[in-house]
Protein backbone atom coordinates (compact mmCIF):
# COMPACT_ATOMS: atom_id res chain seq x y z
CA UNK A 1 0.00 0.00 0.00
CA UNK A 2 2.78 2.43 0.88
CA UNK A 3 4.21 2.26 -2.63
CA UNK A 4 0.86 3.10 -4.28
CA UNK A 5 0.16 5.96 -1.86
CA UNK A 6 3.66 7.35 -2.34
CA UNK A 7 3.30 7.09 -6.11
CA UNK A 8 -0.04 8.94 -6.01
CA UNK A 9 1.32 11.61 -3.67
CA UNK A 10 4.34 12.16 -5.93
CA UNK A 11 2.13 12.54 -8.97
CA UNK A 12 -0.57 14.63 -7.29
CA UNK A 13 0.11 16.13 -3.82
CA UNK A 14 -3.47 17.45 -3.50
CA UNK A 15 -4.71 13.82 -3.14
CA UNK A 16 -3.44 13.68 0.45
CA UNK A 17 -6.82 14.40 2.07
CA UNK A 18 -8.62 11.95 -0.25
CA UNK A 19 -6.11 9.22 0.56
CA UNK A 20 -6.37 9.90 4.28
CA UNK A 21 -10.20 9.79 4.17
CA UNK A 22 -10.27 6.62 2.08
CA UNK A 23 -7.32 4.69 3.48
CA UNK A 24 -9.24 1.36 3.45
CA UNK A 25 -9.68 1.69 -0.31
CA UNK A 26 -5.92 1.72 -0.86
CA UNK A 27 -5.44 -1.39 1.30
CA UNK A 28 -7.45 -3.51 -1.14
CA UNK A 29 -5.20 -5.72 -3.33
CA UNK A 30 -7.39 -5.19 -6.39
CA UNK A 31 -7.11 -1.42 -6.02
CA UNK A 32 -3.36 -1.60 -5.51
CA UNK A 33 -3.02 -3.69 -8.63
CA UNK A 34 -5.28 -1.32 -10.58
CA UNK A 35 -3.29 1.74 -9.50
CA UNK A 36 0.05 0.08 -10.29
CA UNK A 37 -0.60 0.93 -13.94
CA UNK A 38 0.49 4.50 -14.87
CA UNK A 39 -2.51 4.87 -17.20
CA UNK A 40 -4.94 3.83 -14.45
CA UNK A 41 -3.27 6.24 -12.01
CA UNK A 42 -3.66 9.09 -14.49
CA UNK A 43 -7.37 8.34 -15.00
CA UNK A 44 -7.85 8.06 -11.23
CA UNK A 45 -6.03 11.32 -10.49
CA UNK A 46 -7.94 13.11 -13.25
CA UNK A 47 -11.29 11.95 -11.85
CA UNK A 48 -10.34 13.13 -8.33
CA UNK A 49 -8.94 16.50 -9.48
CA UNK A 50 -11.83 17.21 -11.83
CA UNK A 51 -14.84 15.16 -10.69
CA UNK A 52 -16.94 15.67 -13.82
CA UNK A 53 -19.39 13.05 -15.06
CA UNK A 54 -17.17 12.34 -18.07
CA UNK A 55 -14.09 11.77 -15.87
CA UNK A 56 -16.07 9.58 -13.46
CA UNK A 57 -17.41 7.56 -16.40
CA UNK A 58 -13.91 7.20 -17.82
CA UNK A 59 -12.64 5.92 -14.44
CA UNK A 60 -15.60 3.50 -14.15
CA UNK A 61 -15.03 2.17 -17.67
CA UNK A 62 -11.29 1.80 -17.07
CA UNK A 63 -11.84 -0.04 -13.76
CA UNK A 64 -14.56 -2.30 -15.26
CA UNK A 65 -12.22 -3.27 -18.07
CA UNK A 66 -9.39 -3.94 -15.61
CA UNK A 67 -11.69 -5.94 -13.29
CA UNK A 68 -13.03 -8.06 -16.15
CA UNK A 69 -9.48 -8.85 -17.22
CA UNK A 70 -8.56 -9.72 -13.63
CA UNK A 71 -11.59 -12.00 -13.25
CA UNK A 72 -10.91 -13.71 -16.57
CA UNK A 73 -7.23 -14.20 -15.72
CA UNK A 74 -8.18 -15.60 -12.31
CA UNK A 75 -10.72 -17.96 -13.92
CA UNK A 76 -8.25 -19.21 -16.53
CA UNK A 77 -5.53 -19.66 -13.89
CA UNK A 78 -7.83 -21.65 -11.61
CA UNK A 79 -9.12 -23.73 -14.51
CA UNK A 80 -5.58 -24.54 -15.64
CA UNK A 81 -4.55 -25.33 -12.07
CA UNK A 82 -7.43 -27.74 -11.40
CA UNK A 83 -7.21 -29.28 -14.86
CA UNK A 84 -3.53 -29.97 -14.27
CA UNK A 85 -4.28 -31.53 -10.88
CA UNK A 86 -7.03 -33.73 -12.34
CA UNK A 87 -4.78 -34.75 -15.23
CA UNK A 88 -1.98 -35.59 -12.80
CA UNK A 89 -4.34 -37.62 -10.62
CA UNK A 90 -5.64 -39.50 -13.65
CA UNK A 91 -2.10 -40.25 -14.88
CA UNK A 92 -1.04 -41.43 -11.40
CA UNK A 93 -4.10 -43.66 -11.19
CA UNK A 94 -3.29 -45.14 -14.58
CA UNK A 95 0.32 -45.75 -13.55
CA UNK A 96 -0.71 -47.49 -10.34
CA UNK A 97 -3.15 -49.81 -12.06
CA UNK A 98 -1.77 -53.24 -12.78
CA UNK A 99 -0.60 -53.14 -16.38
CA UNK A 100 -0.39 -56.34 -18.37
CA UNK A 101 3.23 -57.33 -17.94
CA UNK A 102 4.11 -60.96 -18.10
CA UNK A 103 7.81 -60.91 -18.76
CA UNK A 104 8.67 -59.33 -15.37
CA UNK A 105 8.06 -61.55 -12.36
CA UNK A 106 6.01 -59.97 -9.61
CA UNK A 107 7.48 -59.08 -6.24
CA UNK A 108 4.75 -61.04 -4.50
CA UNK A 109 1.55 -62.79 -5.49
CA UNK A 110 -0.48 -59.59 -5.53
CA UNK A 111 1.98 -57.07 -6.98
CA UNK A 112 2.54 -56.77 -10.69
CA UNK A 113 5.63 -55.07 -12.10
CA UNK A 114 4.92 -51.75 -13.82
CA UNK A 115 6.15 -51.09 -17.33
CA UNK A 116 6.50 -47.39 -18.25
CA UNK A 117 4.59 -47.53 -21.56
CA UNK A 118 1.93 -50.18 -21.91
CA UNK A 119 -0.46 -48.37 -24.23
CA UNK A 120 0.62 -50.45 -27.23
CA UNK A 121 -0.36 -53.69 -25.51
CA UNK A 122 -4.07 -53.18 -26.07
CA UNK A 123 -4.25 -51.83 -29.61
CA UNK A 124 -6.67 -54.56 -30.59
CA UNK A 125 -9.34 -56.69 -28.93
CA UNK A 126 -7.62 -59.85 -30.18
CA UNK A 127 -5.56 -60.78 -27.10
CA UNK A 128 -3.29 -63.12 -29.07
CA UNK A 129 -1.92 -60.13 -31.00
CA UNK A 130 -0.95 -58.29 -27.82
CA UNK A 131 2.49 -59.86 -27.91
CA UNK A 132 5.05 -60.58 -30.57
CA UNK A 133 6.47 -63.34 -28.36
CA UNK A 134 5.25 -66.69 -29.81
CA UNK A 135 5.22 -68.36 -26.38
CA UNK A 136 3.07 -65.62 -24.89
CA UNK A 137 0.78 -65.44 -27.94
CA UNK A 138 0.20 -69.19 -27.69
CA UNK A 139 -0.48 -68.90 -23.95
CA UNK A 140 -3.02 -66.15 -24.63
CA UNK A 141 -4.92 -68.55 -26.91
CA UNK A 142 -5.23 -70.96 -23.95
CA UNK A 143 -7.19 -68.40 -21.90
CA UNK A 144 -10.91 -68.94 -21.40
CA UNK A 145 -13.34 -66.45 -22.98
CA UNK A 146 -14.05 -65.04 -19.52
CA UNK A 147 -10.34 -64.50 -18.80
CA UNK A 148 -9.99 -62.74 -22.15
CA UNK A 149 -13.00 -60.52 -21.40
CA UNK A 150 -11.48 -59.58 -18.05
CA UNK A 151 -8.11 -58.71 -19.60
CA UNK A 152 -9.72 -56.73 -22.43
CA UNK A 153 -12.04 -54.88 -20.05
CA UNK A 154 -9.30 -54.07 -17.58
CA UNK A 155 -6.42 -53.21 -19.90
CA UNK A 156 -8.11 -52.09 -23.11
CA UNK A 157 -11.12 -50.23 -21.76
CA UNK A 158 -9.64 -49.42 -18.31
CA UNK A 159 -12.75 -50.68 -16.52
CA UNK A 160 -12.65 -51.30 -12.80
CA UNK A 161 -13.05 -54.77 -11.34
CA UNK A 162 -16.59 -53.82 -10.28
CA UNK A 163 -17.57 -52.68 -13.79
CA UNK A 164 -16.24 -55.93 -15.28
CA UNK A 165 -18.02 -57.94 -12.56
CA UNK A 166 -21.32 -56.22 -13.40
CA UNK A 167 -20.92 -57.15 -17.07
CA UNK A 168 -20.02 -60.79 -16.34
CA UNK A 169 -22.55 -61.19 -13.49
CA UNK A 170 -19.89 -62.30 -11.01
CA UNK A 171 -18.47 -60.72 -7.86
CA UNK A 172 -15.75 -58.11 -7.87
CA UNK A 173 -13.53 -60.46 -5.87
CA UNK A 174 -13.96 -63.18 -8.49
CA UNK A 175 -12.85 -60.78 -11.21
CA UNK A 176 -9.85 -59.70 -9.16
CA UNK A 177 -8.83 -63.29 -8.37
CA UNK A 178 -9.30 -64.42 -11.97
CA UNK A 179 -7.31 -61.46 -13.35
CA UNK A 180 -4.43 -62.01 -10.93
CA UNK A 181 -4.45 -65.77 -11.57
CA UNK A 182 -4.39 -65.12 -15.32
CA UNK A 183 -1.47 -62.72 -14.96
CA UNK A 184 0.40 -65.24 -12.80
CA UNK A 185 -0.26 -67.95 -15.38
CA UNK A 186 1.07 -65.74 -18.18
CA UNK A 187 4.11 -64.77 -16.07
CA UNK A 188 4.87 -68.43 -15.43
CA UNK A 189 4.63 -69.14 -19.14
CA UNK A 190 7.15 -66.40 -19.84
CA UNK A 191 9.45 -67.32 -16.97
CA UNK A 192 9.43 -71.10 -17.04
CA UNK A 193 7.61 -72.14 -20.19
CA UNK A 194 4.90 -73.98 -18.21
CA UNK A 195 1.53 -74.05 -19.91
CA UNK A 196 3.15 -73.89 -23.33
CA UNK A 197 2.54 -77.01 -25.35
C-alpha atoms as a PDB file:
ATOM      1  CA  UNK A   1       0.000   0.000   0.000  1.00  0.00           C
ATOM      2  CA  UNK A   2       2.777   2.433   0.877  1.00  0.00           C
ATOM      3  CA  UNK A   3       4.212   2.256  -2.627  1.00  0.00           C
ATOM      4  CA  UNK A   4       0.856   3.101  -4.277  1.00  0.00           C
ATOM      5  CA  UNK A   5       0.156   5.963  -1.857  1.00  0.00           C
ATOM      6  CA  UNK A   6       3.663   7.350  -2.336  1.00  0.00           C
ATOM      7  CA  UNK A   7       3.301   7.093  -6.110  1.00  0.00           C
ATOM      8  CA  UNK A   8      -0.040   8.939  -6.013  1.00  0.00           C
ATOM      9  CA  UNK A   9       1.317  11.615  -3.667  1.00  0.00           C
ATOM     10  CA  UNK A  10       4.344  12.165  -5.925  1.00  0.00           C
ATOM     11  CA  UNK A  11       2.133  12.540  -8.973  1.00  0.00           C
ATOM     12  CA  UNK A  12      -0.570  14.634  -7.292  1.00  0.00           C
ATOM     13  CA  UNK A  13       0.113  16.132  -3.818  1.00  0.00           C
ATOM     14  CA  UNK A  14      -3.469  17.445  -3.504  1.00  0.00           C
ATOM     15  CA  UNK A  15      -4.712  13.822  -3.142  1.00  0.00           C
ATOM     16  CA  UNK A  16      -3.441  13.679   0.454  1.00  0.00           C
ATOM     17  CA  UNK A  17      -6.818  14.396   2.073  1.00  0.00           C
ATOM     18  CA  UNK A  18      -8.622  11.954  -0.250  1.00  0.00           C
ATOM     19  CA  UNK A  19      -6.114   9.221   0.555  1.00  0.00           C
ATOM     20  CA  UNK A  20      -6.370   9.900   4.281  1.00  0.00           C
ATOM     21  CA  UNK A  21     -10.204   9.794   4.170  1.00  0.00           C
ATOM     22  CA  UNK A  22     -10.275   6.619   2.076  1.00  0.00           C
ATOM     23  CA  UNK A  23      -7.316   4.689   3.481  1.00  0.00           C
ATOM     24  CA  UNK A  24      -9.236   1.361   3.448  1.00  0.00           C
ATOM     25  CA  UNK A  25      -9.681   1.691  -0.312  1.00  0.00           C
ATOM     26  CA  UNK A  26      -5.923   1.717  -0.862  1.00  0.00           C
ATOM     27  CA  UNK A  27      -5.436  -1.388   1.300  1.00  0.00           C
ATOM     28  CA  UNK A  28      -7.455  -3.513  -1.138  1.00  0.00           C
ATOM     29  CA  UNK A  29      -5.201  -5.725  -3.326  1.00  0.00           C
ATOM     30  CA  UNK A  30      -7.392  -5.187  -6.386  1.00  0.00           C
ATOM     31  CA  UNK A  31      -7.114  -1.420  -6.015  1.00  0.00           C
ATOM     32  CA  UNK A  32      -3.359  -1.596  -5.505  1.00  0.00           C
ATOM     33  CA  UNK A  33      -3.019  -3.695  -8.635  1.00  0.00           C
ATOM     34  CA  UNK A  34      -5.277  -1.323 -10.581  1.00  0.00           C
ATOM     35  CA  UNK A  35      -3.288   1.741  -9.504  1.00  0.00           C
ATOM     36  CA  UNK A  36       0.050   0.077 -10.288  1.00  0.00           C
ATOM     37  CA  UNK A  37      -0.604   0.926 -13.940  1.00  0.00           C
ATOM     38  CA  UNK A  38       0.487   4.500 -14.875  1.00  0.00           C
ATOM     39  CA  UNK A  39      -2.510   4.869 -17.203  1.00  0.00           C
ATOM     40  CA  UNK A  40      -4.942   3.830 -14.450  1.00  0.00           C
ATOM     41  CA  UNK A  41      -3.269   6.240 -12.006  1.00  0.00           C
ATOM     42  CA  UNK A  42      -3.658   9.095 -14.492  1.00  0.00           C
ATOM     43  CA  UNK A  43      -7.368   8.337 -15.001  1.00  0.00           C
ATOM     44  CA  UNK A  44      -7.853   8.059 -11.228  1.00  0.00           C
ATOM     45  CA  UNK A  45      -6.027  11.319 -10.489  1.00  0.00           C
ATOM     46  CA  UNK A  46      -7.939  13.113 -13.251  1.00  0.00           C
ATOM     47  CA  UNK A  47     -11.291  11.946 -11.850  1.00  0.00           C
ATOM     48  CA  UNK A  48     -10.344  13.132  -8.328  1.00  0.00           C
ATOM     49  CA  UNK A  49      -8.937  16.502  -9.479  1.00  0.00           C
ATOM     50  CA  UNK A  50     -11.831  17.214 -11.828  1.00  0.00           C
ATOM     51  CA  UNK A  51     -14.840  15.161 -10.687  1.00  0.00           C
ATOM     52  CA  UNK A  52     -16.940  15.669 -13.819  1.00  0.00           C
ATOM     53  CA  UNK A  53     -19.394  13.052 -15.061  1.00  0.00           C
ATOM     54  CA  UNK A  54     -17.167  12.342 -18.067  1.00  0.00           C
ATOM     55  CA  UNK A  55     -14.089  11.766 -15.874  1.00  0.00           C
ATOM     56  CA  UNK A  56     -16.066   9.576 -13.457  1.00  0.00           C
ATOM     57  CA  UNK A  57     -17.412   7.559 -16.399  1.00  0.00           C
ATOM     58  CA  UNK A  58     -13.914   7.197 -17.821  1.00  0.00           C
ATOM     59  CA  UNK A  59     -12.644   5.916 -14.445  1.00  0.00           C
ATOM     60  CA  UNK A  60     -15.597   3.501 -14.153  1.00  0.00           C
ATOM     61  CA  UNK A  61     -15.027   2.172 -17.668  1.00  0.00           C
ATOM     62  CA  UNK A  62     -11.294   1.804 -17.070  1.00  0.00           C
ATOM     63  CA  UNK A  63     -11.843  -0.041 -13.764  1.00  0.00           C
ATOM     64  CA  UNK A  64     -14.560  -2.301 -15.255  1.00  0.00           C
ATOM     65  CA  UNK A  65     -12.216  -3.273 -18.073  1.00  0.00           C
ATOM     66  CA  UNK A  66      -9.394  -3.940 -15.606  1.00  0.00           C
ATOM     67  CA  UNK A  67     -11.688  -5.939 -13.285  1.00  0.00           C
ATOM     68  CA  UNK A  68     -13.031  -8.062 -16.153  1.00  0.00           C
ATOM     69  CA  UNK A  69      -9.480  -8.855 -17.225  1.00  0.00           C
ATOM     70  CA  UNK A  70      -8.558  -9.721 -13.634  1.00  0.00           C
ATOM     71  CA  UNK A  71     -11.588 -12.002 -13.250  1.00  0.00           C
ATOM     72  CA  UNK A  72     -10.911 -13.711 -16.566  1.00  0.00           C
ATOM     73  CA  UNK A  73      -7.229 -14.202 -15.724  1.00  0.00           C
ATOM     74  CA  UNK A  74      -8.185 -15.603 -12.312  1.00  0.00           C
ATOM     75  CA  UNK A  75     -10.724 -17.961 -13.917  1.00  0.00           C
ATOM     76  CA  UNK A  76      -8.252 -19.208 -16.529  1.00  0.00           C
ATOM     77  CA  UNK A  77      -5.532 -19.656 -13.887  1.00  0.00           C
ATOM     78  CA  UNK A  78      -7.831 -21.655 -11.607  1.00  0.00           C
ATOM     79  CA  UNK A  79      -9.120 -23.726 -14.510  1.00  0.00           C
ATOM     80  CA  UNK A  80      -5.584 -24.542 -15.641  1.00  0.00           C
ATOM     81  CA  UNK A  81      -4.553 -25.329 -12.073  1.00  0.00           C
ATOM     82  CA  UNK A  82      -7.427 -27.742 -11.395  1.00  0.00           C
ATOM     83  CA  UNK A  83      -7.214 -29.281 -14.859  1.00  0.00           C
ATOM     84  CA  UNK A  84      -3.530 -29.966 -14.271  1.00  0.00           C
ATOM     85  CA  UNK A  85      -4.284 -31.526 -10.882  1.00  0.00           C
ATOM     86  CA  UNK A  86      -7.030 -33.726 -12.341  1.00  0.00           C
ATOM     87  CA  UNK A  87      -4.779 -34.746 -15.228  1.00  0.00           C
ATOM     88  CA  UNK A  88      -1.975 -35.588 -12.801  1.00  0.00           C
ATOM     89  CA  UNK A  89      -4.342 -37.621 -10.619  1.00  0.00           C
ATOM     90  CA  UNK A  90      -5.639 -39.499 -13.652  1.00  0.00           C
ATOM     91  CA  UNK A  91      -2.101 -40.250 -14.876  1.00  0.00           C
ATOM     92  CA  UNK A  92      -1.041 -41.432 -11.397  1.00  0.00           C
ATOM     93  CA  UNK A  93      -4.100 -43.655 -11.185  1.00  0.00           C
ATOM     94  CA  UNK A  94      -3.290 -45.137 -14.584  1.00  0.00           C
ATOM     95  CA  UNK A  95       0.321 -45.747 -13.553  1.00  0.00           C
ATOM     96  CA  UNK A  96      -0.708 -47.488 -10.341  1.00  0.00           C
ATOM     97  CA  UNK A  97      -3.148 -49.811 -12.058  1.00  0.00           C
ATOM     98  CA  UNK A  98      -1.773 -53.244 -12.783  1.00  0.00           C
ATOM     99  CA  UNK A  99      -0.601 -53.139 -16.379  1.00  0.00           C
ATOM    100  CA  UNK A 100      -0.394 -56.340 -18.369  1.00  0.00           C
ATOM    101  CA  UNK A 101       3.235 -57.334 -17.938  1.00  0.00           C
ATOM    102  CA  UNK A 102       4.105 -60.958 -18.104  1.00  0.00           C
ATOM    103  CA  UNK A 103       7.808 -60.910 -18.762  1.00  0.00           C
ATOM    104  CA  UNK A 104       8.667 -59.333 -15.366  1.00  0.00           C
ATOM    105  CA  UNK A 105       8.062 -61.552 -12.357  1.00  0.00           C
ATOM    106  CA  UNK A 106       6.010 -59.972  -9.606  1.00  0.00           C
ATOM    107  CA  UNK A 107       7.484 -59.075  -6.235  1.00  0.00           C
ATOM    108  CA  UNK A 108       4.751 -61.043  -4.498  1.00  0.00           C
ATOM    109  CA  UNK A 109       1.549 -62.787  -5.491  1.00  0.00           C
ATOM    110  CA  UNK A 110      -0.479 -59.587  -5.532  1.00  0.00           C
ATOM    111  CA  UNK A 111       1.978 -57.073  -6.981  1.00  0.00           C
ATOM    112  CA  UNK A 112       2.543 -56.769 -10.688  1.00  0.00           C
ATOM    113  CA  UNK A 113       5.630 -55.075 -12.101  1.00  0.00           C
ATOM    114  CA  UNK A 114       4.918 -51.754 -13.824  1.00  0.00           C
ATOM    115  CA  UNK A 115       6.155 -51.089 -17.333  1.00  0.00           C
ATOM    116  CA  UNK A 116       6.495 -47.393 -18.251  1.00  0.00           C
ATOM    117  CA  UNK A 117       4.592 -47.531 -21.558  1.00  0.00           C
ATOM    118  CA  UNK A 118       1.927 -50.178 -21.908  1.00  0.00           C
ATOM    119  CA  UNK A 119      -0.459 -48.366 -24.230  1.00  0.00           C
ATOM    120  CA  UNK A 120       0.618 -50.450 -27.233  1.00  0.00           C
ATOM    121  CA  UNK A 121      -0.355 -53.690 -25.514  1.00  0.00           C
ATOM    122  CA  UNK A 122      -4.067 -53.182 -26.069  1.00  0.00           C
ATOM    123  CA  UNK A 123      -4.252 -51.825 -29.607  1.00  0.00           C
ATOM    124  CA  UNK A 124      -6.671 -54.561 -30.589  1.00  0.00           C
ATOM    125  CA  UNK A 125      -9.342 -56.687 -28.932  1.00  0.00           C
ATOM    126  CA  UNK A 126      -7.624 -59.845 -30.176  1.00  0.00           C
ATOM    127  CA  UNK A 127      -5.563 -60.779 -27.105  1.00  0.00           C
ATOM    128  CA  UNK A 128      -3.289 -63.117 -29.072  1.00  0.00           C
ATOM    129  CA  UNK A 129      -1.922 -60.131 -30.999  1.00  0.00           C
ATOM    130  CA  UNK A 130      -0.952 -58.291 -27.824  1.00  0.00           C
ATOM    131  CA  UNK A 131       2.489 -59.863 -27.911  1.00  0.00           C
ATOM    132  CA  UNK A 132       5.048 -60.584 -30.573  1.00  0.00           C
ATOM    133  CA  UNK A 133       6.467 -63.343 -28.364  1.00  0.00           C
ATOM    134  CA  UNK A 134       5.245 -66.685 -29.807  1.00  0.00           C
ATOM    135  CA  UNK A 135       5.224 -68.358 -26.382  1.00  0.00           C
ATOM    136  CA  UNK A 136       3.067 -65.620 -24.888  1.00  0.00           C
ATOM    137  CA  UNK A 137       0.783 -65.440 -27.940  1.00  0.00           C
ATOM    138  CA  UNK A 138       0.198 -69.194 -27.694  1.00  0.00           C
ATOM    139  CA  UNK A 139      -0.478 -68.902 -23.947  1.00  0.00           C
ATOM    140  CA  UNK A 140      -3.018 -66.146 -24.630  1.00  0.00           C
ATOM    141  CA  UNK A 141      -4.917 -68.548 -26.911  1.00  0.00           C
ATOM    142  CA  UNK A 142      -5.228 -70.959 -23.950  1.00  0.00           C
ATOM    143  CA  UNK A 143      -7.190 -68.399 -21.904  1.00  0.00           C
ATOM    144  CA  UNK A 144     -10.911 -68.942 -21.397  1.00  0.00           C
ATOM    145  CA  UNK A 145     -13.339 -66.447 -22.978  1.00  0.00           C
ATOM    146  CA  UNK A 146     -14.051 -65.038 -19.517  1.00  0.00           C
ATOM    147  CA  UNK A 147     -10.342 -64.505 -18.800  1.00  0.00           C
ATOM    148  CA  UNK A 148      -9.992 -62.738 -22.152  1.00  0.00           C
ATOM    149  CA  UNK A 149     -13.004 -60.523 -21.400  1.00  0.00           C
ATOM    150  CA  UNK A 150     -11.477 -59.582 -18.055  1.00  0.00           C
ATOM    151  CA  UNK A 151      -8.114 -58.713 -19.604  1.00  0.00           C
ATOM    152  CA  UNK A 152      -9.720 -56.728 -22.425  1.00  0.00           C
ATOM    153  CA  UNK A 153     -12.044 -54.880 -20.051  1.00  0.00           C
ATOM    154  CA  UNK A 154      -9.303 -54.074 -17.576  1.00  0.00           C
ATOM    155  CA  UNK A 155      -6.421 -53.209 -19.902  1.00  0.00           C
ATOM    156  CA  UNK A 156      -8.105 -52.086 -23.115  1.00  0.00           C
ATOM    157  CA  UNK A 157     -11.121 -50.227 -21.765  1.00  0.00           C
ATOM    158  CA  UNK A 158      -9.637 -49.418 -18.314  1.00  0.00           C
ATOM    159  CA  UNK A 159     -12.753 -50.685 -16.525  1.00  0.00           C
ATOM    160  CA  UNK A 160     -12.654 -51.298 -12.801  1.00  0.00           C
ATOM    161  CA  UNK A 161     -13.054 -54.773 -11.337  1.00  0.00           C
ATOM    162  CA  UNK A 162     -16.591 -53.825 -10.280  1.00  0.00           C
ATOM    163  CA  UNK A 163     -17.567 -52.678 -13.786  1.00  0.00           C
ATOM    164  CA  UNK A 164     -16.243 -55.929 -15.276  1.00  0.00           C
ATOM    165  CA  UNK A 165     -18.022 -57.944 -12.560  1.00  0.00           C
ATOM    166  CA  UNK A 166     -21.316 -56.223 -13.397  1.00  0.00           C
ATOM    167  CA  UNK A 167     -20.920 -57.147 -17.072  1.00  0.00           C
ATOM    168  CA  UNK A 168     -20.023 -60.788 -16.342  1.00  0.00           C
ATOM    169  CA  UNK A 169     -22.548 -61.193 -13.491  1.00  0.00           C
ATOM    170  CA  UNK A 170     -19.890 -62.295 -11.010  1.00  0.00           C
ATOM    171  CA  UNK A 171     -18.474 -60.720  -7.857  1.00  0.00           C
ATOM    172  CA  UNK A 172     -15.752 -58.112  -7.870  1.00  0.00           C
ATOM    173  CA  UNK A 173     -13.529 -60.458  -5.869  1.00  0.00           C
ATOM    174  CA  UNK A 174     -13.960 -63.183  -8.494  1.00  0.00           C
ATOM    175  CA  UNK A 175     -12.853 -60.777 -11.214  1.00  0.00           C
ATOM    176  CA  UNK A 176      -9.845 -59.697  -9.159  1.00  0.00           C
ATOM    177  CA  UNK A 177      -8.829 -63.291  -8.370  1.00  0.00           C
ATOM    178  CA  UNK A 178      -9.296 -64.415 -11.971  1.00  0.00           C
ATOM    179  CA  UNK A 179      -7.314 -61.463 -13.354  1.00  0.00           C
ATOM    180  CA  UNK A 180      -4.434 -62.010 -10.933  1.00  0.00           C
ATOM    181  CA  UNK A 181      -4.450 -65.768 -11.566  1.00  0.00           C
ATOM    182  CA  UNK A 182      -4.394 -65.118 -15.317  1.00  0.00           C
ATOM    183  CA  UNK A 183      -1.475 -62.717 -14.957  1.00  0.00           C
ATOM    184  CA  UNK A 184       0.404 -65.238 -12.797  1.00  0.00           C
ATOM    185  CA  UNK A 185      -0.262 -67.954 -15.383  1.00  0.00           C
ATOM    186  CA  UNK A 186       1.074 -65.738 -18.181  1.00  0.00           C
ATOM    187  CA  UNK A 187       4.109 -64.767 -16.073  1.00  0.00           C
ATOM    188  CA  UNK A 188       4.872 -68.430 -15.430  1.00  0.00           C
ATOM    189  CA  UNK A 189       4.634 -69.143 -19.136  1.00  0.00           C
ATOM    190  CA  UNK A 190       7.147 -66.404 -19.838  1.00  0.00           C
ATOM    191  CA  UNK A 191       9.451 -67.317 -16.972  1.00  0.00           C
ATOM    192  CA  UNK A 192       9.432 -71.101 -17.040  1.00  0.00           C
ATOM    193  CA  UNK A 193       7.615 -72.137 -20.191  1.00  0.00           C
ATOM    194  CA  UNK A 194       4.899 -73.979 -18.211  1.00  0.00           C
ATOM    195  CA  UNK A 195       1.529 -74.053 -19.911  1.00  0.00           C
ATOM    196  CA  UNK A 196       3.154 -73.887 -23.334  1.00  0.00           C
ATOM    197  CA  UNK A 197       2.540 -77.014 -25.347  1.00  0.00           C
END
